[in-house]
Amino acid sequence: MLQLPRLYPILDAACFSDAAGKFAVAEELAAAGCTLLQYRNKSGNARRMLDEACELKTRLGATVKLIMNDRGDLCLAAQYDGLHIGQDDLLAESARRIIGPARWLGVSTHNPEQLSDADKTSADYLAIGPVFATGSKANPDPLVGLAGVRRARELTGKPLVAIGGVTRANARSVIEAGADSVAVISDLLRDPRKSAEEFLRLLG
């Protein structure tokens, strides 16, 4: 079973006006000690996404495991370490056939039923959320709260990532509720290196 780091940063292209900003934040997160990073781009064209994905890999080298959001083809083309899919993407086993057995596969879930279904697949880790209110999705799923994290922990022995509105103020409570890792977008954007260092210190 894979060992997820406590902090799971997501680099969301929607939060940046240009590629340079994305790369700068990624390098700051790596400098702070982050060892895993998901590249998420919901609106870019495939060619630009691949260019950015490859540039991230070049800049971060082997020190950071890179996860591609949604796109199994780009995960392979950019030689990323894993793929993360949502409920509206490929089924987990279809994604697994694309990326093969060696790469990590993560699946987002939003309720106990989805989590139980995902637990039966070859996914390496599961995500549950949104835990708290979040502005990173236009139409977010209903909040699961800390109770939802606790319930998810009861339903799976796989590594569990909590996502949605996680900040330095509440991250510890999410881990105490049973999550192995917290996925963070917004609370890493301002002064990324310092923010990541604080998260890592808080999460132990």
Protein backbone atom coordinates (compact mmCIF):
# COMPACT_ATOMS: atom_id res chain seq x y z
CA MET A 1 0.00 0.00 0.00
CA LEU A 2 1.33 3.40 -0.93
CA GLN A 3 2.27 5.95 1.71
CA LEU A 4 0.72 9.34 1.01
CA PRO A 5 2.37 12.47 2.37
CA ARG A 6 0.23 14.42 4.84
CA LEU A 7 0.05 17.39 2.46
CA TYR A 8 -1.28 16.87 -1.07
CA PRO A 9 -1.00 20.19 -2.95
CA ILE A 10 -3.12 20.69 -6.06
CA LEU A 11 -1.85 23.13 -8.66
CA ASP A 12 -5.07 24.33 -10.29
CA ALA A 13 -4.56 26.20 -13.56
CA ALA A 14 -7.74 28.18 -12.89
CA CYS A 15 -5.94 29.98 -10.05
CA PHE A 16 -3.26 31.46 -12.31
CA SER A 17 -3.19 34.05 -15.09
CA ASP A 18 -0.14 32.55 -16.76
CA ALA A 19 2.08 29.50 -16.81
CA ALA A 20 4.97 31.29 -15.13
CA GLY A 21 2.89 31.73 -11.99
CA LYS A 22 2.09 28.02 -11.88
CA PHE A 23 5.73 27.04 -12.26
CA ALA A 24 6.88 29.50 -9.60
CA VAL A 25 4.38 28.19 -7.05
CA ALA A 26 5.28 24.58 -7.85
CA GLU A 27 8.96 25.29 -7.26
CA GLU A 28 8.20 27.05 -3.97
CA LEU A 29 6.14 24.08 -2.79
CA ALA A 30 8.96 21.69 -3.66
CA ALA A 31 11.45 23.91 -1.85
CA ALA A 32 9.22 23.77 1.24
CA GLY A 33 9.43 19.99 1.26
CA CYS A 34 6.30 18.89 -0.62
CA THR A 35 6.86 15.49 -2.21
CA LEU A 36 3.59 15.14 -4.15
CA LEU A 37 1.78 17.53 -6.48
CA GLN A 38 -1.32 17.21 -8.64
CA TYR A 39 -1.55 19.20 -11.85
CA ARG A 40 -5.17 20.12 -12.53
CA ASN A 41 -6.38 21.93 -15.64
CA LYS A 42 -10.09 21.72 -16.41
CA SER A 43 -10.18 24.16 -19.31
CA GLY A 44 -6.87 24.14 -21.19
CA ASN A 45 -6.39 22.51 -24.56
CA ALA A 46 -4.51 19.21 -24.56
CA ARG A 47 -1.38 20.53 -26.22
CA ARG A 48 -0.94 23.37 -23.74
CA MET A 49 -1.69 21.06 -20.83
CA LEU A 50 0.95 18.62 -21.99
CA ASP A 51 3.50 21.41 -22.46
CA GLU A 52 2.87 22.68 -18.93
CA ALA A 53 2.88 19.17 -17.47
CA CYS A 54 6.24 18.41 -19.06
CA GLU A 55 7.68 21.72 -17.91
CA LEU A 56 6.61 20.97 -14.35
CA LYS A 57 8.32 17.60 -14.54
CA THR A 58 11.50 19.17 -15.88
CA ARG A 59 11.56 21.81 -13.15
CA LEU A 60 10.69 19.54 -10.23
CA GLY A 61 12.73 16.52 -11.27
CA ALA A 62 12.49 13.30 -9.31
CA THR A 63 12.00 14.93 -5.90
CA VAL A 64 8.23 15.38 -6.36
CA LYS A 65 5.73 12.72 -7.43
CA LEU A 66 3.44 14.24 -10.05
CA ILE A 67 -0.22 13.32 -10.46
CA MET A 68 -2.24 14.26 -13.55
CA ASN A 69 -5.88 15.19 -13.03
CA ASP A 70 -8.46 13.51 -15.29
CA ARG A 71 -6.33 12.77 -18.35
CA GLY A 72 -4.82 9.30 -18.57
CA ASP A 73 -3.37 10.02 -21.99
CA LEU A 74 -1.52 13.08 -20.75
CA CYS A 75 -0.39 11.21 -17.64
CA LEU A 76 1.40 8.77 -19.94
CA ALA A 77 2.66 11.37 -22.40
CA ALA A 78 4.17 13.51 -19.63
CA GLN A 79 5.49 10.42 -17.82
CA TYR A 80 3.72 11.35 -14.61
CA ASP A 81 3.65 9.11 -11.55
CA GLY A 82 -0.10 8.82 -11.29
CA LEU A 83 -3.60 9.83 -12.34
CA HIS A 84 -6.50 11.23 -10.34
CA ILE A 85 -10.04 10.86 -11.66
CA GLY A 86 -13.45 12.12 -10.60
CA GLN A 87 -16.94 10.71 -10.73
CA ASP A 88 -17.54 12.14 -14.23
CA ASP A 89 -14.31 10.79 -15.70
CA LEU A 90 -13.35 7.31 -16.85
CA LEU A 91 -14.25 4.39 -14.63
CA ALA A 92 -11.35 3.40 -12.40
CA GLU A 93 -10.66 0.12 -14.19
CA SER A 94 -10.70 1.83 -17.59
CA ALA A 95 -8.22 4.38 -16.28
CA ARG A 96 -6.12 1.57 -14.86
CA ARG A 97 -5.93 -0.11 -18.25
CA ILE A 98 -4.59 3.13 -19.71
CA ILE A 99 -1.95 3.94 -17.09
CA GLY A 100 -0.93 0.38 -16.25
CA PRO A 101 -0.29 -1.28 -12.89
CA ALA A 102 2.72 0.73 -11.71
CA ARG A 103 1.32 4.25 -11.64
CA TRP A 104 -0.80 5.54 -8.76
CA LEU A 105 -4.53 5.86 -9.33
CA GLY A 106 -6.72 8.08 -7.15
CA VAL A 107 -10.50 8.43 -7.25
CA SER A 108 -12.62 11.31 -5.94
CA THR A 109 -15.76 10.41 -4.01
CA HIS A 110 -18.46 12.53 -2.40
CA ASN A 111 -20.60 10.16 -0.36
CA PRO A 112 -20.43 6.73 1.30
CA GLU A 113 -21.88 4.92 -1.73
CA GLN A 114 -19.31 6.32 -4.14
CA LEU A 115 -16.53 5.61 -1.69
CA SER A 116 -17.62 2.01 -1.16
CA ASP A 117 -17.76 1.48 -4.93
CA ALA A 118 -14.31 3.03 -5.42
CA ASP A 119 -12.91 0.92 -2.61
CA LYS A 120 -13.67 -2.22 -4.66
CA THR A 121 -11.57 -0.99 -7.61
CA SER A 122 -7.82 -1.05 -8.18
CA ALA A 123 -7.53 2.58 -7.04
CA ASP A 124 -4.48 3.11 -4.83
CA TYR A 125 -6.06 5.91 -2.79
CA LEU A 126 -9.46 7.53 -2.40
CA ALA A 127 -10.44 11.16 -1.91
CA ILE A 128 -13.48 12.32 0.05
CA GLY A 129 -15.01 15.78 -0.03
CA PRO A 130 -15.79 18.55 -0.06
CA VAL A 131 -15.15 18.57 3.68
CA PHE A 132 -15.67 22.31 4.06
CA ALA A 133 -17.02 25.03 1.76
CA THR A 134 -14.76 25.57 -1.23
CA GLY A 135 -14.50 28.05 -4.05
CA SER A 136 -12.46 25.85 -6.36
CA LYS A 137 -15.48 24.25 -8.06
CA ALA A 138 -18.33 26.02 -9.84
CA ASN A 139 -20.90 23.43 -8.75
CA PRO A 140 -19.53 21.69 -5.67
CA ASP A 141 -21.04 18.53 -4.24
CA PRO A 142 -22.77 18.70 -0.83
CA LEU A 143 -20.40 19.13 2.10
CA VAL A 144 -19.46 15.93 3.89
CA GLY A 145 -17.95 17.59 6.96
CA LEU A 146 -15.69 15.88 9.45
CA ALA A 147 -18.41 13.28 10.01
CA GLY A 148 -18.09 12.34 6.34
CA VAL A 149 -14.34 11.88 6.75
CA ARG A 150 -14.90 9.65 9.79
CA ARG A 151 -17.46 7.59 7.88
CA ALA A 152 -15.12 7.27 4.89
CA ARG A 153 -12.38 6.04 7.22
CA GLU A 154 -14.72 3.29 8.45
CA LEU A 155 -15.47 2.19 4.89
CA THR A 156 -11.98 1.83 3.45
CA GLY A 157 -8.55 0.64 4.43
CA LYS A 158 -7.03 2.48 1.48
CA PRO A 159 -5.16 5.76 1.97
CA LEU A 160 -7.70 8.57 2.32
CA VAL A 161 -7.31 12.14 1.07
CA ALA A 162 -9.67 14.82 2.36
CA ILE A 163 -10.38 17.71 0.01
CA GLY A 164 -12.45 20.87 0.00
CA GLY A 165 -11.87 24.03 1.97
CA VAL A 166 -8.94 22.61 3.94
CA THR A 167 -6.82 25.35 5.50
CA ARG A 168 -4.10 25.62 8.11
CA ALA A 169 -6.84 26.42 10.61
CA ASN A 170 -8.73 23.15 10.14
CA ALA A 171 -6.24 20.69 8.62
CA ARG A 172 -5.35 19.06 11.91
CA SER A 173 -9.00 18.27 12.65
CA VAL A 174 -9.30 16.56 9.26
CA ILE A 175 -6.34 14.29 9.99
CA GLU A 176 -7.77 13.54 13.44
CA ALA A 177 -11.06 12.55 11.77
CA GLY A 178 -9.21 9.80 9.91
CA ALA A 179 -7.74 11.25 6.72
CA ASP A 180 -4.19 10.24 5.83
CA SER A 181 -3.62 13.35 3.75
CA VAL A 182 -5.20 16.74 3.03
CA ALA A 183 -5.52 18.15 -0.47
CA VAL A 184 -5.06 21.91 -0.56
CA ILE A 185 -5.42 24.48 -3.33
CA SER A 186 -6.24 28.01 -2.15
CA ASP A 187 -4.44 28.14 1.18
CA LEU A 188 -1.10 27.47 -0.52
CA LEU A 189 -1.26 30.28 -3.07
CA ARG A 190 -0.21 33.24 -0.94
CA ASP A 191 3.44 32.90 0.01
CA PRO A 192 3.49 29.22 -1.08
CA ARG A 193 6.74 28.19 0.56
CA LYS A 194 5.86 29.62 3.96
CA SER A 195 2.29 28.28 3.75
CA ALA A 196 3.46 24.78 2.84
CA GLU A 197 6.05 24.79 5.62
CA GLU A 198 3.32 25.73 8.10
CA PHE A 199 1.05 22.95 6.84
CA LEU A 200 3.86 20.41 7.10
CA ARG A 201 4.64 21.56 10.62
CA LEU A 202 0.98 21.42 11.68
CA LEU A 203 0.43 18.00 10.17
CA GLY A 204 3.56 16.50 11.62
